[in-house]
Amino acid sequence: MSEIAATTVHEAYAFACMKCGYGWEQSYQIEHHVDVHGHAFVVYTADGQRVPSPLSTPTCANCGGHVVRIMRAG
């Protein structure tokens, strides 16, 4: 796929599972791209792996629950 150069930002989020109470933090590299047709798209990576947006449907790594509160890290 051809695209125009990406803009990369770093963000971190804290998560808390409302089912089991498990909490964790994760840092992300967020790359904002524009394809050759002018359509914007975003690529998220965490620990060097491409991942879905943490804001879409986060999943608890402890229990697999999907009712997860998202907060700023720290």
PDB file of N, CA and C in Angstrom:
ATOM      1  N   MET A   1       0.846  -1.165   0.000  1.00  0.00           N
ATOM      2  CA  MET A   1       0.000   0.000   0.000  1.00  0.00           C
ATOM      3  C   MET A   1       0.892   1.230   0.000  1.00  0.00           C
ATOM      4  N   SER A   2       0.625   2.191  -0.849  1.00  0.00           N
ATOM      5  CA  SER A   2       1.343   3.452  -0.881  1.00  0.00           C
ATOM      6  C   SER A   2       0.655   4.426   0.049  1.00  0.00           C
ATOM      7  N   GLU A   3       1.451   5.260   0.673  1.00  0.00           N
ATOM      8  CA  GLU A   3       0.872   6.230   1.580  1.00  0.00           C
ATOM      9  C   GLU A   3       1.835   7.371   1.792  1.00  0.00           C
ATOM     10  N   ILE A   4       1.329   8.457   2.302  1.00  0.00           N
ATOM     11  CA  ILE A   4       2.133   9.611   2.662  1.00  0.00           C
ATOM     12  C   ILE A   4       2.715   9.336   4.046  1.00  0.00           C
ATOM     13  N   ALA A   5       3.888   9.908   4.346  1.00  0.00           N
ATOM     14  CA  ALA A   5       4.584   9.649   5.611  1.00  0.00           C
ATOM     15  C   ALA A   5       3.666   9.830   6.819  1.00  0.00           C
ATOM     16  N   ALA A   6       3.900   9.000   7.816  1.00  0.00           N
ATOM     17  CA  ALA A   6       3.063   8.975   9.015  1.00  0.00           C
ATOM     18  C   ALA A   6       3.534   9.984  10.053  1.00  0.00           C
ATOM     19  N   THR A   7       2.594  10.424  10.869  1.00  0.00           N
ATOM     20  CA  THR A   7       2.892  11.197  12.067  1.00  0.00           C
ATOM     21  C   THR A   7       2.681  10.253  13.238  1.00  0.00           C
ATOM     22  N   THR A   8       3.683  10.142  14.115  1.00  0.00           N
ATOM     23  CA  THR A   8       3.595   9.204  15.234  1.00  0.00           C
ATOM     24  C   THR A   8       3.533   9.956  16.554  1.00  0.00           C
ATOM     25  N   VAL A   9       2.608   9.539  17.409  1.00  0.00           N
ATOM     26  CA  VAL A   9       2.521  10.073  18.769  1.00  0.00           C
ATOM     27  C   VAL A   9       2.557   8.906  19.743  1.00  0.00           C
ATOM     28  N   HIS A  10       2.939   9.192  20.974  1.00  0.00           N
ATOM     29  CA  HIS A  10       2.992   8.169  22.017  1.00  0.00           C
ATOM     30  C   HIS A  10       1.953   8.524  23.075  1.00  0.00           C
ATOM     31  N   GLU A  11       1.126   7.561  23.421  1.00  0.00           N
ATOM     32  CA  GLU A  11       0.123   7.759  24.464  1.00  0.00           C
ATOM     33  C   GLU A  11       0.077   6.521  25.344  1.00  0.00           C
ATOM     34  N   ALA A  12      -0.300   6.730  26.587  1.00  0.00           N
ATOM     35  CA  ALA A  12      -0.448   5.621  27.527  1.00  0.00           C
ATOM     36  C   ALA A  12      -1.818   5.732  28.185  1.00  0.00           C
ATOM     37  N   TYR A  13      -2.403   4.590  28.460  1.00  0.00           N
ATOM     38  CA  TYR A  13      -3.715   4.524  29.095  1.00  0.00           C
ATOM     39  C   TYR A  13      -3.658   3.569  30.274  1.00  0.00           C
ATOM     40  N   ALA A  14      -4.512   3.822  31.251  1.00  0.00           N
ATOM     41  CA  ALA A  14      -4.712   2.898  32.365  1.00  0.00           C
ATOM     42  C   ALA A  14      -6.087   2.267  32.168  1.00  0.00           C
ATOM     43  N   PHE A  15      -6.191   1.000  32.516  1.00  0.00           N
ATOM     44  CA  PHE A  15      -7.428   0.250  32.333  1.00  0.00           C
ATOM     45  C   PHE A  15      -7.808  -0.414  33.650  1.00  0.00           C
ATOM     46  N   ALA A  16      -9.102  -0.511  33.908  1.00  0.00           N
ATOM     47  CA  ALA A  16      -9.603  -1.220  35.082  1.00  0.00           C
ATOM     48  C   ALA A  16     -10.804  -2.051  34.655  1.00  0.00           C
ATOM     49  N   CYS A  17     -10.722  -3.352  34.894  1.00  0.00           N
ATOM     50  CA  CYS A  17     -11.815  -4.253  34.548  1.00  0.00           C
ATOM     51  C   CYS A  17     -12.919  -4.126  35.595  1.00  0.00           C
ATOM     52  N   MET A  18     -14.129  -3.894  35.144  1.00  0.00           N
ATOM     53  CA  MET A  18     -15.265  -3.756  36.048  1.00  0.00           C
ATOM     54  C   MET A  18     -15.828  -5.111  36.468  1.00  0.00           C
ATOM     55  N   LYS A  19     -15.348  -6.190  35.819  1.00  0.00           N
ATOM     56  CA  LYS A  19     -15.820  -7.529  36.160  1.00  0.00           C
ATOM     57  C   LYS A  19     -14.989  -8.140  37.288  1.00  0.00           C
ATOM     58  N   CYS A  20     -13.653  -8.086  37.142  1.00  0.00           N
ATOM     59  CA  CYS A  20     -12.798  -8.763  38.127  1.00  0.00           C
ATOM     60  C   CYS A  20     -11.924  -7.811  38.941  1.00  0.00           C
ATOM     61  N   GLY A  21     -11.877  -6.528  38.552  1.00  0.00           N
ATOM     62  CA  GLY A  21     -11.091  -5.560  39.301  1.00  0.00           C
ATOM     63  C   GLY A  21      -9.632  -5.441  38.889  1.00  0.00           C
ATOM     64  N   TYR A  22      -9.206  -6.228  37.917  1.00  0.00           N
ATOM     65  CA  TYR A  22      -7.816  -6.190  37.454  1.00  0.00           C
ATOM     66  C   TYR A  22      -7.514  -4.832  36.824  1.00  0.00           C
ATOM     67  N   GLY A  23      -6.330  -4.285  37.121  1.00  0.00           N
ATOM     68  CA  GLY A  23      -5.921  -3.009  36.548  1.00  0.00           C
ATOM     69  C   GLY A  23      -4.577  -3.128  35.862  1.00  0.00           C
ATOM     70  N   TRP A  24      -4.371  -2.368  34.791  1.00  0.00           N
ATOM     71  CA  TRP A  24      -3.099  -2.384  34.077  1.00  0.00           C
ATOM     72  C   TRP A  24      -2.929  -1.091  33.293  1.00  0.00           C
ATOM     73  N   GLU A  25      -1.686  -0.827  32.886  1.00  0.00           N
ATOM     74  CA  GLU A  25      -1.366   0.303  32.028  1.00  0.00           C
ATOM     75  C   GLU A  25      -0.687  -0.207  30.772  1.00  0.00           C
ATOM     76  N   GLN A  26      -0.863   0.519  29.678  1.00  0.00           N
ATOM     77  CA  GLN A  26      -0.230   0.139  28.415  1.00  0.00           C
ATOM     78  C   GLN A  26       0.132   1.404  27.646  1.00  0.00           C
ATOM     79  N   SER A  27       1.338   1.425  27.090  1.00  0.00           N
ATOM     80  CA  SER A  27       1.786   2.517  26.226  1.00  0.00           C
ATOM     81  C   SER A  27       1.591   2.115  24.771  1.00  0.00           C
ATOM     82  N   TYR A  28       1.258   3.093  23.941  1.00  0.00           N
ATOM     83  CA  TYR A  28       0.997   2.847  22.525  1.00  0.00           C
ATOM     84  C   TYR A  28       1.753   3.842  21.664  1.00  0.00           C
ATOM     85  N   GLN A  29       2.201   3.378  20.511  1.00  0.00           N
ATOM     86  CA  GLN A  29       2.641   4.250  19.434  1.00  0.00           C
ATOM     87  C   GLN A  29       1.458   4.349  18.504  1.00  0.00           C
ATOM     88  N   ILE A  30       1.044   5.560  18.203  1.00  0.00           N
ATOM     89  CA  ILE A  30      -0.126   5.773  17.367  1.00  0.00           C
ATOM     90  C   ILE A  30       0.336   6.501  16.111  1.00  0.00           C
ATOM     91  N   GLU A  31       0.224   5.828  14.978  1.00  0.00           N
ATOM     92  CA  GLU A  31       0.673   6.378  13.702  1.00  0.00           C
ATOM     93  C   GLU A  31      -0.533   6.849  12.896  1.00  0.00           C
ATOM     94  N   HIS A  32      -0.530   8.124  12.562  1.00  0.00           N
ATOM     95  CA  HIS A  32      -1.592   8.708  11.740  1.00  0.00           C
ATOM     96  C   HIS A  32      -1.098   8.747  10.301  1.00  0.00           C
ATOM     97  N   HIS A  33      -1.799   8.068   9.420  1.00  0.00           N
ATOM     98  CA  HIS A  33      -1.428   7.953   8.011  1.00  0.00           C
ATOM     99  C   HIS A  33      -2.507   8.556   7.121  1.00  0.00           C
ATOM    100  N   VAL A  34      -2.112   8.858   5.891  1.00  0.00           N
ATOM    101  CA  VAL A  34      -3.056   9.228   4.835  1.00  0.00           C
ATOM    102  C   VAL A  34      -2.671   8.401   3.622  1.00  0.00           C
ATOM    103  N   ASP A  35      -3.629   7.640   3.077  1.00  0.00           N
ATOM    104  CA  ASP A  35      -3.311   6.815   1.902  1.00  0.00           C
ATOM    105  C   ASP A  35      -3.290   7.673   0.637  1.00  0.00           C
ATOM    106  N   VAL A  36      -2.940   7.075  -0.468  1.00  0.00           N
ATOM    107  CA  VAL A  36      -2.800   7.818  -1.729  1.00  0.00           C
ATOM    108  C   VAL A  36      -4.116   8.412  -2.224  1.00  0.00           C
ATOM    109  N   HIS A  37      -5.230   7.955  -1.677  1.00  0.00           N
ATOM    110  CA  HIS A  37      -6.540   8.482  -2.058  1.00  0.00           C
ATOM    111  C   HIS A  37      -6.999   9.592  -1.115  1.00  0.00           C
ATOM    112  N   GLY A  38      -6.144   9.955  -0.145  1.00  0.00           N
ATOM    113  CA  GLY A  38      -6.478  11.020   0.793  1.00  0.00           C
ATOM    114  C   GLY A  38      -7.270  10.580   2.001  1.00  0.00           C
ATOM    115  N   HIS A  39      -7.439   9.271   2.205  1.00  0.00           N
ATOM    116  CA  HIS A  39      -8.189   8.756   3.353  1.00  0.00           C
ATOM    117  C   HIS A  39      -7.258   8.569   4.549  1.00  0.00           C
ATOM    118  N   ALA A  40      -7.659   9.121   5.668  1.00  0.00           N
ATOM    119  CA  ALA A  40      -6.866   8.992   6.894  1.00  0.00           C
ATOM    120  C   ALA A  40      -7.119   7.639   7.543  1.00  0.00           C
ATOM    121  N   PHE A  41      -6.072   7.070   8.136  1.00  0.00           N
ATOM    122  CA  PHE A  41      -6.225   5.860   8.941  1.00  0.00           C
ATOM    123  C   PHE A  41      -5.165   5.863  10.029  1.00  0.00           C
ATOM    124  N   VAL A  42      -5.420   5.111  11.071  1.00  0.00           N
ATOM    125  CA  VAL A  42      -4.558   5.096  12.249  1.00  0.00           C
ATOM    126  C   VAL A  42      -4.096   3.670  12.504  1.00  0.00           C
ATOM    127  N   VAL A  43      -2.823   3.522  12.875  1.00  0.00           N
ATOM    128  CA  VAL A  43      -2.252   2.224  13.229  1.00  0.00           C
ATOM    129  C   VAL A  43      -1.739   2.325  14.661  1.00  0.00           C
ATOM    130  N   TYR A  44      -2.174   1.399  15.505  1.00  0.00           N
ATOM    131  CA  TYR A  44      -1.728   1.338  16.894  1.00  0.00           C
ATOM    132  C   TYR A  44      -0.738   0.195  17.050  1.00  0.00           C
ATOM    133  N   THR A  45       0.356   0.440  17.781  1.00  0.00           N
ATOM    134  CA  THR A  45       1.282  -0.631  18.135  1.00  0.00           C
ATOM    135  C   THR A  45       1.565  -0.549  19.627  1.00  0.00           C
ATOM    136  N   ALA A  46       1.742  -1.711  20.233  1.00  0.00           N
ATOM    137  CA  ALA A  46       2.102  -1.823  21.645  1.00  0.00           C
ATOM    138  C   ALA A  46       3.137  -2.928  21.755  1.00  0.00           C
ATOM    139  N   ASP A  47       4.238  -2.634  22.407  1.00  0.00           N
ATOM    140  CA  ASP A  47       5.326  -3.611  22.555  1.00  0.00           C
ATOM    141  C   ASP A  47       5.762  -4.172  21.204  1.00  0.00           C
ATOM    142  N   GLY A  48       5.779  -3.312  20.176  1.00  0.00           N
ATOM    143  CA  GLY A  48       6.239  -3.719  18.859  1.00  0.00           C
ATOM    144  C   GLY A  48       5.248  -4.513  18.026  1.00  0.00           C
ATOM    145  N   GLN A  49       4.054  -4.747  18.539  1.00  0.00           N
ATOM    146  CA  GLN A  49       3.033  -5.522  17.824  1.00  0.00           C
ATOM    147  C   GLN A  49       1.870  -4.613  17.435  1.00  0.00           C
ATOM    148  N   ARG A  50       1.351  -4.797  16.228  1.00  0.00           N
ATOM    149  CA  ARG A  50       0.163  -4.056  15.822  1.00  0.00           C
ATOM    150  C   ARG A  50      -1.028  -4.561  16.628  1.00  0.00           C
ATOM    151  N   VAL A  51      -1.810  -3.624  17.170  1.00  0.00           N
ATOM    152  CA  VAL A  51      -2.954  -3.967  18.019  1.00  0.00           C
ATOM    153  C   VAL A  51      -4.163  -3.133  17.598  1.00  0.00           C
ATOM    154  N   PRO A  52      -5.367  -3.583  17.966  1.00  0.00           N
ATOM    155  CA  PRO A  52      -6.544  -2.750  17.697  1.00  0.00           C
ATOM    156  C   PRO A  52      -6.532  -1.513  18.590  1.00  0.00           C
ATOM    157  N   SER A  53      -7.323  -0.536  18.249  1.00  0.00           N
ATOM    158  CA  SER A  53      -7.424   0.667  19.069  1.00  0.00           C
ATOM    159  C   SER A  53      -7.800   0.289  20.501  1.00  0.00           C
ATOM    160  N   PRO A  54      -7.081   0.826  21.483  1.00  0.00           N
ATOM    161  CA  PRO A  54      -7.429   0.526  22.873  1.00  0.00           C
ATOM    162  C   PRO A  54      -8.750   1.166  23.286  1.00  0.00           C
ATOM    163  N   LEU A  55      -9.264   2.055  22.472  1.00  0.00           N
ATOM    164  CA  LEU A  55     -10.507   2.746  22.803  1.00  0.00           C
ATOM    165  C   LEU A  55     -11.743   2.068  22.228  1.00  0.00           C
ATOM    166  N   SER A  56     -11.549   1.063  21.369  1.00  0.00           N
ATOM    167  CA  SER A  56     -12.698   0.422  20.725  1.00  0.00           C
ATOM    168  C   SER A  56     -13.371  -0.581  21.657  1.00  0.00           C
ATOM    169  N   THR A  57     -12.807  -1.742  21.839  1.00  0.00           N
ATOM    170  CA  THR A  57     -13.375  -2.746  22.742  1.00  0.00           C
ATOM    171  C   THR A  57     -12.246  -3.405  23.525  1.00  0.00           C
ATOM    172  N   PRO A  58     -11.756  -2.733  24.567  1.00  0.00           N
ATOM    173  CA  PRO A  58     -10.670  -3.334  25.344  1.00  0.00           C
ATOM    174  C   PRO A  58     -11.120  -4.624  26.020  1.00  0.00           C
ATOM    175  N   THR A  59     -10.186  -5.538  26.158  1.00  0.00           N
ATOM    176  CA  THR A  59     -10.454  -6.831  26.781  1.00  0.00           C
ATOM    177  C   THR A  59      -9.532  -7.009  27.970  1.00  0.00           C
ATOM    178  N   CYS A  60     -10.079  -7.430  29.083  1.00  0.00           N
ATOM    179  CA  CYS A  60      -9.284  -7.694  30.278  1.00  0.00           C
ATOM    180  C   CYS A  60      -8.391  -8.912  30.040  1.00  0.00           C
ATOM    181  N   ALA A  61      -7.092  -8.733  30.269  1.00  0.00           N
ATOM    182  CA  ALA A  61      -6.140  -9.840  30.105  1.00  0.00           C
ATOM    183  C   ALA A  61      -6.293 -10.876  31.213  1.00  0.00           C
ATOM    184  N   ASN A  62      -6.944 -10.503  32.304  1.00  0.00           N
ATOM    185  CA  ASN A  62      -7.103 -11.414  33.435  1.00  0.00           C
ATOM    186  C   ASN A  62      -8.319 -12.331  33.280  1.00  0.00           C
ATOM    187  N   CYS A  63      -9.486 -11.748  32.916  1.00  0.00           N
ATOM    188  CA  CYS A  63     -10.714 -12.555  32.879  1.00  0.00           C
ATOM    189  C   CYS A  63     -11.400 -12.575  31.515  1.00  0.00           C
ATOM    190  N   GLY A  64     -10.912 -11.764  30.563  1.00  0.00           N
ATOM    191  CA  GLY A  64     -11.531 -11.717  29.243  1.00  0.00           C
ATOM    192  C   GLY A  64     -12.753 -10.818  29.166  1.00  0.00           C
ATOM    193  N   GLY A  65     -13.057 -10.121  30.256  1.00  0.00           N
ATOM    194  CA  GLY A  65     -14.224  -9.240  30.277  1.00  0.00           C
ATOM    195  C   GLY A  65     -14.067  -8.044  29.355  1.00  0.00           C
ATOM    196  N   HIS A  66     -15.204  -7.486  28.921  1.00  0.00           N
ATOM    197  CA  HIS A  66     -15.184  -6.345  28.010  1.00  0.00           C
ATOM    198  C   HIS A  66     -15.740  -5.073  28.635  1.00  0.00           C
ATOM    199  N   VAL A  67     -16.100  -5.115  29.911  1.00  0.00           N
ATOM    200  CA  VAL A  67     -16.531  -3.898  30.593  1.00  0.00           C
ATOM    201  C   VAL A  67     -15.294  -3.349  31.291  1.00  0.00           C
ATOM    202  N   VAL A  68     -14.593  -2.469  30.575  1.00  0.00           N
ATOM    203  CA  VAL A  68     -13.299  -1.969  31.027  1.00  0.00           C
ATOM    204  C   VAL A  68     -13.340  -0.449  31.046  1.00  0.00           C
ATOM    205  N   ARG A  69     -12.952   0.122  32.165  1.00  0.00           N
ATOM    206  CA  ARG A  69     -12.857   1.576  32.275  1.00  0.00           C
ATOM    207  C   ARG A  69     -11.492   1.998  31.769  1.00  0.00           C
ATOM    208  N   ILE A  70     -11.462   3.049  30.953  1.00  0.00           N
ATOM    209  CA  ILE A  70     -10.218   3.566  30.388  1.00  0.00           C
ATOM    210  C   ILE A  70      -9.953   4.933  31.013  1.00  0.00           C
ATOM    211  N   MET A  71      -8.722   5.107  31.512  1.00  0.00           N
ATOM    212  CA  MET A  71      -8.333   6.355  32.166  1.00  0.00           C
ATOM    213  C   MET A  71      -6.969   6.789  31.647  1.00  0.00           C
ATOM    214  N   ARG A  72      -6.578   8.010  31.978  1.00  0.00           N
ATOM    215  CA  ARG A  72      -5.221   8.411  31.612  1.00  0.00           C
ATOM    216  C   ARG A  72      -4.246   7.676  32.518  1.00  0.00           C
ATOM    217  N   ALA A  73      -3.079   7.381  31.988  1.00  0.00           N
ATOM    218  CA  ALA A  73      -2.070   6.629  32.744  1.00  0.00           C
ATOM    219  C   ALA A  73      -1.546   7.467  33.903  1.00  0.00           C
ATOM    220  N   GLY A  74      -1.038   6.768  34.900  1.00  0.00           N
ATOM    221  CA  GLY A  74      -0.412   7.458  36.028  1.00  0.00           C
ATOM    222  C   GLY A  74      -1.134   7.195  37.242  1.00  0.00           C
TER     223      GLY A  74
END
